[in-house]
C-alpha atoms as a PDB file:
ATOM      1  CA  UNK A   1      51.521 -72.556 -48.641  1.00  0.00           C
ATOM      2  CA  UNK A   2      53.888 -71.636 -45.764  1.00  0.00           C
ATOM      3  CA  UNK A   3      52.672 -69.020 -43.312  1.00  0.00           C
ATOM      4  CA  UNK A   4      54.765 -66.088 -42.117  1.00  0.00           C
ATOM      5  CA  UNK A   5      54.220 -63.590 -39.313  1.00  0.00           C
ATOM      6  CA  UNK A   6      55.570 -60.273 -38.085  1.00  0.00           C
ATOM      7  CA  UNK A   7      55.205 -58.572 -34.705  1.00  0.00           C
ATOM      8  CA  UNK A   8      56.264 -54.990 -34.112  1.00  0.00           C
ATOM      9  CA  UNK A   9      55.802 -52.111 -31.739  1.00  0.00           C
ATOM     10  CA  UNK A  10      55.680 -48.406 -32.507  1.00  0.00           C
ATOM     11  CA  UNK A  11      54.745 -45.055 -30.988  1.00  0.00           C
ATOM     12  CA  UNK A  12      51.557 -43.336 -32.165  1.00  0.00           C
ATOM     13  CA  UNK A  13      51.895 -39.829 -33.554  1.00  0.00           C
ATOM     14  CA  UNK A  14      51.136 -37.205 -30.944  1.00  0.00           C
ATOM     15  CA  UNK A  15      47.482 -36.275 -30.725  1.00  0.00           C
ATOM     16  CA  UNK A  16      46.092 -39.428 -32.329  1.00  0.00           C
ATOM     17  CA  UNK A  17      42.321 -39.574 -31.917  1.00  0.00           C
ATOM     18  CA  UNK A  18      39.853 -42.449 -31.663  1.00  0.00           C
ATOM     19  CA  UNK A  19      38.580 -41.525 -35.138  1.00  0.00           C
ATOM     20  CA  UNK A  20      42.131 -41.888 -36.529  1.00  0.00           C
ATOM     21  CA  UNK A  21      42.402 -45.360 -35.040  1.00  0.00           C
ATOM     22  CA  UNK A  22      38.988 -46.305 -36.432  1.00  0.00           C
ATOM     23  CA  UNK A  23      40.171 -45.247 -39.915  1.00  0.00           C
ATOM     24  CA  UNK A  24      43.416 -47.208 -39.522  1.00  0.00           C
ATOM     25  CA  UNK A  25      41.511 -50.322 -38.460  1.00  0.00           C
ATOM     26  CA  UNK A  26      38.982 -50.101 -41.281  1.00  0.00           C
ATOM     27  CA  UNK A  27      41.689 -49.615 -43.912  1.00  0.00           C
ATOM     28  CA  UNK A  28      43.857 -52.380 -42.426  1.00  0.00           C
ATOM     29  CA  UNK A  29      40.967 -54.814 -42.246  1.00  0.00           C
ATOM     30  CA  UNK A  30      40.043 -54.253 -45.899  1.00  0.00           C
ATOM     31  CA  UNK A  31      43.629 -54.479 -47.134  1.00  0.00           C
ATOM     32  CA  UNK A  32      44.409 -57.523 -44.991  1.00  0.00           C
ATOM     33  CA  UNK A  33      41.372 -59.382 -46.282  1.00  0.00           C
ATOM     34  CA  UNK A  34      42.592 -59.008 -49.866  1.00  0.00           C
ATOM     35  CA  UNK A  35      46.161 -59.935 -48.829  1.00  0.00           C
ATOM     36  CA  UNK A  36      44.997 -63.023 -46.901  1.00  0.00           C
ATOM     37  CA  UNK A  37      46.431 -61.661 -43.656  1.00  0.00           C
ATOM     38  CA  UNK A  38      44.950 -61.946 -40.165  1.00  0.00           C
ATOM     39  CA  UNK A  39      46.096 -60.538 -36.840  1.00  0.00           C
ATOM     40  CA  UNK A  40      45.655 -58.268 -33.860  1.00  0.00           C
ATOM     41  CA  UNK A  41      46.498 -54.687 -32.915  1.00  0.00           C
ATOM     42  CA  UNK A  42      46.856 -53.455 -29.340  1.00  0.00           C
ATOM     43  CA  UNK A  43      47.099 -49.816 -28.246  1.00  0.00           C
ATOM     44  CA  UNK A  44      47.887 -48.414 -24.803  1.00  0.00           C
ATOM     45  CA  UNK A  45      47.113 -44.777 -25.615  1.00  0.00           C
ATOM     46  CA  UNK A  46      50.679 -44.111 -26.789  1.00  0.00           C
ATOM     47  CA  UNK A  47      52.114 -47.294 -28.292  1.00  0.00           C
ATOM     48  CA  UNK A  48      50.965 -49.946 -30.704  1.00  0.00           C
ATOM     49  CA  UNK A  49      51.842 -53.622 -30.738  1.00  0.00           C
ATOM     50  CA  UNK A  50      50.701 -55.480 -33.825  1.00  0.00           C
ATOM     51  CA  UNK A  51      50.975 -59.112 -34.853  1.00  0.00           C
ATOM     52  CA  UNK A  52      49.887 -60.334 -38.274  1.00  0.00           C
ATOM     53  CA  UNK A  53      50.146 -63.631 -40.147  1.00  0.00           C
ATOM     54  CA  UNK A  54      49.484 -65.039 -43.575  1.00  0.00           C
ATOM     55  CA  UNK A  55      51.158 -65.973 -46.852  1.00  0.00           C
ATOM     56  CA  UNK A  56      54.592 -64.435 -47.339  1.00  0.00           C
ATOM     57  CA  UNK A  57      53.562 -62.062 -50.134  1.00  0.00           C
ATOM     58  CA  UNK A  58      50.541 -60.867 -48.126  1.00  0.00           C
ATOM     59  CA  UNK A  59      52.590 -60.323 -44.969  1.00  0.00           C
ATOM     60  CA  UNK A  60      55.222 -58.423 -46.982  1.00  0.00           C
ATOM     61  CA  UNK A  61      52.541 -56.187 -48.539  1.00  0.00           C
ATOM     62  CA  UNK A  62      50.981 -55.418 -45.177  1.00  0.00           C
ATOM     63  CA  UNK A  63      54.359 -54.697 -43.616  1.00  0.00           C
ATOM     64  CA  UNK A  64      55.228 -52.219 -46.371  1.00  0.00           C
ATOM     65  CA  UNK A  65      51.995 -50.347 -45.592  1.00  0.00           C
ATOM     66  CA  UNK A  66      52.902 -50.387 -41.895  1.00  0.00           C
ATOM     67  CA  UNK A  67      56.425 -49.074 -42.545  1.00  0.00           C
ATOM     68  CA  UNK A  68      55.056 -46.247 -44.712  1.00  0.00           C
ATOM     69  CA  UNK A  69      52.155 -45.303 -42.405  1.00  0.00           C
ATOM     70  CA  UNK A  70      52.174 -41.799 -40.978  1.00  0.00           C
ATOM     71  CA  UNK A  71      50.174 -42.778 -37.908  1.00  0.00           C
ATOM     72  CA  UNK A  72      53.208 -43.921 -35.945  1.00  0.00           C
ATOM     73  CA  UNK A  73      56.949 -43.462 -35.387  1.00  0.00           C
ATOM     74  CA  UNK A  74      59.857 -45.479 -34.021  1.00  0.00           C
ATOM     75  CA  UNK A  75      58.762 -48.799 -35.473  1.00  0.00           C
ATOM     76  CA  UNK A  76      60.669 -51.682 -33.890  1.00  0.00           C
ATOM     77  CA  UNK A  77      60.296 -55.187 -35.230  1.00  0.00           C
ATOM     78  CA  UNK A  78      59.955 -57.705 -32.402  1.00  0.00           C
ATOM     79  CA  UNK A  79      59.884 -60.909 -34.468  1.00  0.00           C
ATOM     80  CA  UNK A  80      59.557 -62.154 -38.025  1.00  0.00           C
ATOM     81  CA  UNK A  81      59.396 -65.705 -39.258  1.00  0.00           C
ATOM     82  CA  UNK A  82      57.463 -68.827 -40.090  1.00  0.00           C
ATOM     83  CA  UNK A  83      54.423 -69.971 -38.139  1.00  0.00           C
ATOM     84  CA  UNK A  84      52.970 -73.468 -38.336  1.00  0.00           C
ATOM     85  CA  UNK A  85      49.360 -72.322 -38.143  1.00  0.00           C
ATOM     86  CA  UNK A  86      47.273 -69.174 -37.963  1.00  0.00           C
ATOM     87  CA  UNK A  87      46.714 -68.076 -34.408  1.00  0.00           C
ATOM     88  CA  UNK A  88      44.026 -65.509 -35.321  1.00  0.00           C
ATOM     89  CA  UNK A  89      42.267 -67.057 -38.314  1.00  0.00           C
ATOM     90  CA  UNK A  90      38.980 -65.155 -37.970  1.00  0.00           C
ATOM     91  CA  UNK A  91      40.229 -61.589 -37.671  1.00  0.00           C
ATOM     92  CA  UNK A  92      41.582 -59.545 -40.564  1.00  0.00           C
ATOM     93  CA  UNK A  93      42.486 -57.039 -37.843  1.00  0.00           C
ATOM     94  CA  UNK A  94      41.138 -57.405 -34.322  1.00  0.00           C
ATOM     95  CA  UNK A  95      41.904 -54.634 -31.885  1.00  0.00           C
ATOM     96  CA  UNK A  96      41.929 -53.994 -28.173  1.00  0.00           C
ATOM     97  CA  UNK A  97      42.989 -51.344 -25.721  1.00  0.00           C
ATOM     98  CA  UNK A  98      45.680 -52.530 -23.323  1.00  0.00           C
ATOM     99  CA  UNK A  99      47.137 -51.112 -20.139  1.00  0.00           C
ATOM    100  CA  UNK A 100      50.576 -49.496 -20.623  1.00  0.00           C
ATOM    101  CA  UNK A 101      52.222 -51.690 -17.967  1.00  0.00           C
ATOM    102  CA  UNK A 102      50.898 -54.861 -19.631  1.00  0.00           C
ATOM    103  CA  UNK A 103      52.117 -53.726 -23.049  1.00  0.00           C
ATOM    104  CA  UNK A 104      55.538 -52.808 -21.638  1.00  0.00           C
ATOM    105  CA  UNK A 105      55.816 -56.226 -20.010  1.00  0.00           C
ATOM    106  CA  UNK A 106      54.970 -57.943 -23.283  1.00  0.00           C
ATOM    107  CA  UNK A 107      57.393 -55.848 -25.354  1.00  0.00           C
ATOM    108  CA  UNK A 108      60.230 -56.472 -22.891  1.00  0.00           C
ATOM    109  CA  UNK A 109      59.849 -60.271 -23.034  1.00  0.00           C
ATOM    110  CA  UNK A 110      62.091 -62.226 -25.444  1.00  0.00           C
ATOM    111  CA  UNK A 111      60.746 -62.177 -29.031  1.00  0.00           C
ATOM    112  CA  UNK A 112      63.293 -64.310 -30.892  1.00  0.00           C
ATOM    113  CA  UNK A 113      60.540 -66.044 -32.833  1.00  0.00           C
ATOM    114  CA  UNK A 114      56.917 -67.064 -32.413  1.00  0.00           C
ATOM    115  CA  UNK A 115      57.574 -69.780 -29.869  1.00  0.00           C
ATOM    116  CA  UNK A 116      55.140 -70.289 -27.033  1.00  0.00           C
ATOM    117  CA  UNK A 117      57.656 -72.102 -24.809  1.00  0.00           C
ATOM    118  CA  UNK A 118      59.245 -70.304 -21.866  1.00  0.00           C
ATOM    119  CA  UNK A 119      62.982 -69.777 -22.223  1.00  0.00           C
ATOM    120  CA  UNK A 120      65.171 -72.010 -20.039  1.00  0.00           C
ATOM    121  CA  UNK A 121      66.574 -69.084 -18.043  1.00  0.00           C
ATOM    122  CA  UNK A 122      63.198 -67.584 -17.156  1.00  0.00           C
ATOM    123  CA  UNK A 123      59.899 -68.721 -15.680  1.00  0.00           C
ATOM    124  CA  UNK A 124      57.676 -66.267 -17.555  1.00  0.00           C
ATOM    125  CA  UNK A 125      56.252 -66.615 -21.050  1.00  0.00           C
ATOM    126  CA  UNK A 126      58.073 -65.232 -24.075  1.00  0.00           C
ATOM    127  CA  UNK A 127      56.557 -62.171 -25.776  1.00  0.00           C
ATOM    128  CA  UNK A 128      54.511 -64.119 -28.311  1.00  0.00           C
ATOM    129  CA  UNK A 129      53.202 -66.547 -25.689  1.00  0.00           C
ATOM    130  CA  UNK A 130      52.135 -63.569 -23.575  1.00  0.00           C
ATOM    131  CA  UNK A 131      50.317 -62.066 -26.559  1.00  0.00           C
ATOM    132  CA  UNK A 132      48.432 -65.321 -27.118  1.00  0.00           C
ATOM    133  CA  UNK A 133      47.673 -65.592 -23.408  1.00  0.00           C
ATOM    134  CA  UNK A 134      46.108 -62.124 -23.399  1.00  0.00           C
ATOM    135  CA  UNK A 135      43.925 -62.895 -26.416  1.00  0.00           C
ATOM    136  CA  UNK A 136      42.949 -66.486 -25.712  1.00  0.00           C
ATOM    137  CA  UNK A 137      43.303 -66.798 -21.963  1.00  0.00           C
ATOM    138  CA  UNK A 138      45.683 -68.970 -20.000  1.00  0.00           C
ATOM    139  CA  UNK A 139      43.561 -72.054 -20.676  1.00  0.00           C
ATOM    140  CA  UNK A 140      43.697 -71.457 -24.443  1.00  0.00           C
ATOM    141  CA  UNK A 141      39.983 -70.993 -25.098  1.00  0.00           C
ATOM    142  CA  UNK A 142      38.906 -69.574 -28.440  1.00  0.00           C
ATOM    143  CA  UNK A 143      39.544 -65.958 -29.289  1.00  0.00           C
ATOM    144  CA  UNK A 144      37.296 -63.591 -27.328  1.00  0.00           C
ATOM    145  CA  UNK A 145      35.133 -61.116 -29.190  1.00  0.00           C
ATOM    146  CA  UNK A 146      37.186 -58.275 -30.629  1.00  0.00           C
ATOM    147  CA  UNK A 147      36.957 -54.930 -28.889  1.00  0.00           C
ATOM    148  CA  UNK A 148      37.348 -51.909 -31.107  1.00  0.00           C
ATOM    149  CA  UNK A 149      40.012 -49.440 -30.016  1.00  0.00           C
ATOM    150  CA  UNK A 150      38.453 -46.262 -31.338  1.00  0.00           C
ATOM    151  CA  UNK A 151      34.908 -45.160 -30.663  1.00  0.00           C
END
């Protein structure tokens, strides 16, 4: 079965609390497990960046929940497309806090697809490669333990 993925960024609703994020993560993890979707969510205190992967119908179901969620505004899709393999096979929804400058740098990188190769005109990694680098390290070791965003 072909795998699909989506990455997006959005702005959290004003006044979001750690308990709200905990609820979002618990609901997402449960729903994603049923949908066969895995991925990661990063939050810098204001903005989210989420990447998720799985079968096309599962990814579509998860994305519809994301689009309809009231926890965020200004959703902007960074990339959507096929992936050859799962990059986060163990996590129905891992989460981590991230520094705003790091998140901005990742969002501003090219996100044409889920390539890990640097574009010819630039020395730095593309957005997806940067995301993988942050989660697995430059040397590509296995995923680190997930850090919960909320409490």
